[in-house]
Amino acid sequence: MIKYEDKCTVSNEGRDMHVEVEVDNYRSGKSFTAYLAGTKFQMRYNQSRKLYEGYVAGMDLSSKGPKEWRI
């Protein structure tokens, strides 16, 4: 079984800004739902960049996703 952390770092590359978001519905290599200050948004995996990407409030966001481990 694979577990994942319920938080991860999301970056706004244009502004060199990094914030921690809550993670839900994580599907490794596909997508996850992120929550930041009550705002919900989708992060979808970009295979060519090997990053999750999303868009909220006029900002392009990216993340490596939450840490995973096997139990």
N, C-alpha and C. Protein backbone atom coordinates (compact mmCIF):
# COMPACT_ATOMS: atom_id res chain seq x y z
N MET A 1 0.84 -1.18 0.00
CA MET A 1 0.00 0.00 0.00
C MET A 1 0.88 1.25 0.00
N ILE A 2 0.49 2.24 -0.76
CA ILE A 2 1.23 3.50 -0.83
C ILE A 2 0.44 4.58 -0.11
N LYS A 3 1.12 5.29 0.77
CA LYS A 3 0.53 6.43 1.48
C LYS A 3 1.18 7.71 0.97
N TYR A 4 0.52 8.83 1.17
CA TYR A 4 1.09 10.11 0.78
C TYR A 4 0.79 11.16 1.85
N GLU A 5 1.64 12.16 1.92
CA GLU A 5 1.44 13.25 2.87
C GLU A 5 0.19 14.04 2.48
N ASP A 6 -0.44 14.67 3.44
CA ASP A 6 -1.65 15.45 3.16
C ASP A 6 -1.35 16.91 2.85
N LYS A 7 -0.06 17.24 2.70
CA LYS A 7 0.35 18.60 2.32
C LYS A 7 1.51 18.52 1.35
N CYS A 8 1.67 19.57 0.55
CA CYS A 8 2.84 19.66 -0.33
C CYS A 8 3.09 21.14 -0.66
N THR A 9 4.21 21.40 -1.29
CA THR A 9 4.58 22.76 -1.68
C THR A 9 4.16 23.01 -3.13
N VAL A 10 3.54 24.16 -3.35
CA VAL A 10 3.15 24.61 -4.69
C VAL A 10 3.90 25.90 -4.97
N SER A 11 4.42 26.03 -6.18
CA SER A 11 5.22 27.20 -6.55
C SER A 11 4.57 28.00 -7.67
N ASN A 12 4.70 29.32 -7.56
CA ASN A 12 4.34 30.22 -8.66
C ASN A 12 5.67 30.66 -9.25
N GLU A 13 6.03 30.03 -10.35
CA GLU A 13 7.35 30.27 -10.93
C GLU A 13 7.56 31.71 -11.38
N GLY A 14 6.52 32.38 -11.82
CA GLY A 14 6.65 33.75 -12.28
C GLY A 14 6.99 34.73 -11.18
N ARG A 15 6.61 34.40 -9.95
CA ARG A 15 6.85 35.30 -8.82
C ARG A 15 7.82 34.72 -7.80
N ASP A 16 8.38 33.55 -8.08
CA ASP A 16 9.28 32.88 -7.13
C ASP A 16 8.63 32.78 -5.75
N MET A 17 7.36 32.36 -5.74
CA MET A 17 6.59 32.23 -4.52
C MET A 17 6.31 30.75 -4.25
N HIS A 18 6.46 30.30 -3.02
CA HIS A 18 6.22 28.92 -2.64
C HIS A 18 5.29 28.89 -1.44
N VAL A 19 4.22 28.10 -1.51
CA VAL A 19 3.28 27.98 -0.40
C VAL A 19 2.94 26.52 -0.17
N GLU A 20 2.55 26.21 1.05
CA GLU A 20 2.13 24.86 1.38
C GLU A 20 0.62 24.77 1.24
N VAL A 21 0.15 23.72 0.58
CA VAL A 21 -1.28 23.51 0.37
C VAL A 21 -1.69 22.16 0.97
N GLU A 22 -2.97 22.02 1.25
CA GLU A 22 -3.50 20.73 1.67
C GLU A 22 -3.81 19.92 0.42
N VAL A 23 -3.60 18.60 0.49
CA VAL A 23 -3.78 17.70 -0.64
C VAL A 23 -4.92 16.73 -0.37
N ASP A 24 -5.75 16.52 -1.38
CA ASP A 24 -6.84 15.56 -1.30
C ASP A 24 -6.98 14.87 -2.66
N ASN A 25 -7.55 13.68 -2.67
CA ASN A 25 -7.79 12.92 -3.91
C ASN A 25 -6.53 12.77 -4.76
N TYR A 26 -5.42 12.46 -4.10
CA TYR A 26 -4.15 12.32 -4.82
C TYR A 26 -4.13 11.04 -5.63
N ARG A 27 -3.79 11.16 -6.91
CA ARG A 27 -3.59 10.02 -7.81
C ARG A 27 -2.21 10.21 -8.45
N SER A 28 -1.27 9.43 -7.99
CA SER A 28 0.13 9.56 -8.42
C SER A 28 0.26 9.54 -9.94
N GLY A 29 0.95 10.55 -10.47
CA GLY A 29 1.17 10.64 -11.91
C GLY A 29 -0.04 11.08 -12.69
N LYS A 30 -1.11 11.49 -12.01
CA LYS A 30 -2.33 11.93 -12.70
C LYS A 30 -2.80 13.31 -12.22
N SER A 31 -3.20 13.42 -10.94
CA SER A 31 -3.73 14.69 -10.46
C SER A 31 -3.93 14.67 -8.94
N PHE A 32 -4.21 15.84 -8.38
CA PHE A 32 -4.68 15.95 -7.00
C PHE A 32 -5.46 17.24 -6.84
N THR A 33 -6.27 17.28 -5.82
CA THR A 33 -7.02 18.48 -5.47
C THR A 33 -6.23 19.21 -4.39
N ALA A 34 -6.02 20.50 -4.57
CA ALA A 34 -5.28 21.32 -3.60
C ALA A 34 -6.22 22.34 -2.98
N TYR A 35 -5.96 22.65 -1.71
CA TYR A 35 -6.73 23.65 -0.97
C TYR A 35 -5.77 24.67 -0.37
N LEU A 36 -6.05 25.94 -0.63
CA LEU A 36 -5.24 27.03 -0.10
C LEU A 36 -6.17 28.14 0.35
N ALA A 37 -6.18 28.42 1.63
CA ALA A 37 -7.01 29.51 2.19
C ALA A 37 -8.46 29.39 1.75
N GLY A 38 -8.99 28.16 1.79
CA GLY A 38 -10.39 27.94 1.43
C GLY A 38 -10.67 27.85 -0.06
N THR A 39 -9.65 27.99 -0.88
CA THR A 39 -9.82 27.90 -2.33
C THR A 39 -9.40 26.50 -2.79
N LYS A 40 -10.27 25.85 -3.57
CA LYS A 40 -10.01 24.52 -4.09
C LYS A 40 -9.60 24.63 -5.56
N PHE A 41 -8.54 23.91 -5.94
CA PHE A 41 -8.13 23.90 -7.34
C PHE A 41 -7.46 22.59 -7.68
N GLN A 42 -7.49 22.23 -8.97
CA GLN A 42 -6.93 20.98 -9.47
C GLN A 42 -5.50 21.16 -9.93
N MET A 43 -4.69 20.17 -9.64
CA MET A 43 -3.33 20.10 -10.14
C MET A 43 -3.24 18.83 -10.99
N ARG A 44 -2.88 18.98 -12.27
CA ARG A 44 -2.80 17.84 -13.19
C ARG A 44 -1.34 17.59 -13.58
N TYR A 45 -1.01 16.32 -13.72
CA TYR A 45 0.37 15.94 -14.01
C TYR A 45 0.74 16.24 -15.46
N ASN A 46 1.90 16.88 -15.65
CA ASN A 46 2.46 17.15 -16.98
C ASN A 46 3.64 16.20 -17.14
N GLN A 47 3.45 15.17 -17.96
CA GLN A 47 4.46 14.13 -18.13
C GLN A 47 5.79 14.68 -18.65
N SER A 48 5.76 15.63 -19.56
CA SER A 48 7.01 16.15 -20.13
C SER A 48 7.83 16.95 -19.11
N ARG A 49 7.17 17.64 -18.21
CA ARG A 49 7.87 18.42 -17.17
C ARG A 49 8.05 17.63 -15.87
N LYS A 50 7.34 16.50 -15.74
CA LYS A 50 7.37 15.69 -14.53
C LYS A 50 6.96 16.51 -13.30
N LEU A 51 5.94 17.36 -13.49
CA LEU A 51 5.40 18.21 -12.43
C LEU A 51 3.88 18.22 -12.53
N TYR A 52 3.24 18.51 -11.41
CA TYR A 52 1.81 18.78 -11.41
C TYR A 52 1.63 20.26 -11.67
N GLU A 53 0.65 20.63 -12.50
CA GLU A 53 0.42 22.03 -12.85
C GLU A 53 -1.04 22.40 -12.63
N GLY A 54 -1.25 23.64 -12.25
CA GLY A 54 -2.60 24.15 -12.05
C GLY A 54 -2.65 25.65 -12.26
N TYR A 55 -3.86 26.19 -12.21
CA TYR A 55 -4.07 27.61 -12.44
C TYR A 55 -5.15 28.08 -11.47
N VAL A 56 -4.86 29.13 -10.72
CA VAL A 56 -5.85 29.70 -9.81
C VAL A 56 -5.54 31.18 -9.62
N ALA A 57 -6.59 31.99 -9.58
CA ALA A 57 -6.47 33.43 -9.32
C ALA A 57 -5.43 34.10 -10.22
N GLY A 58 -5.38 33.71 -11.49
CA GLY A 58 -4.46 34.34 -12.43
C GLY A 58 -3.02 33.90 -12.30
N MET A 59 -2.77 32.84 -11.54
CA MET A 59 -1.40 32.37 -11.34
C MET A 59 -1.22 30.97 -11.89
N ASP A 60 -0.12 30.75 -12.61
CA ASP A 60 0.27 29.41 -13.04
C ASP A 60 1.08 28.77 -11.92
N LEU A 61 0.64 27.60 -11.48
CA LEU A 61 1.27 26.94 -10.34
C LEU A 61 1.87 25.61 -10.75
N SER A 62 2.90 25.16 -10.02
CA SER A 62 3.48 23.85 -10.27
C SER A 62 3.91 23.24 -8.95
N SER A 63 4.01 21.89 -8.94
CA SER A 63 4.38 21.17 -7.73
C SER A 63 4.95 19.81 -8.09
N LYS A 64 5.84 19.30 -7.25
CA LYS A 64 6.32 17.93 -7.40
C LYS A 64 5.30 16.97 -6.78
N GLY A 65 4.31 17.48 -6.08
CA GLY A 65 3.31 16.65 -5.42
C GLY A 65 3.74 16.28 -4.02
N PRO A 66 2.86 15.56 -3.31
CA PRO A 66 3.19 15.17 -1.94
C PRO A 66 4.19 14.02 -1.90
N LYS A 67 4.89 13.88 -0.79
CA LYS A 67 5.81 12.77 -0.61
C LYS A 67 5.01 11.49 -0.46
N GLU A 68 5.52 10.41 -1.05
CA GLU A 68 4.87 9.11 -0.99
C GLU A 68 5.79 8.13 -0.27
N TRP A 69 5.19 7.10 0.36
CA TRP A 69 5.96 6.02 0.93
C TRP A 69 5.11 4.74 0.97
N ARG A 70 5.79 3.63 0.97
CA ARG A 70 5.12 2.31 1.02
C ARG A 70 5.04 1.83 2.47
N ILE A 71 3.90 1.20 2.76
CA ILE A 71 3.77 0.60 4.10
C ILE A 71 3.38 -0.87 3.95
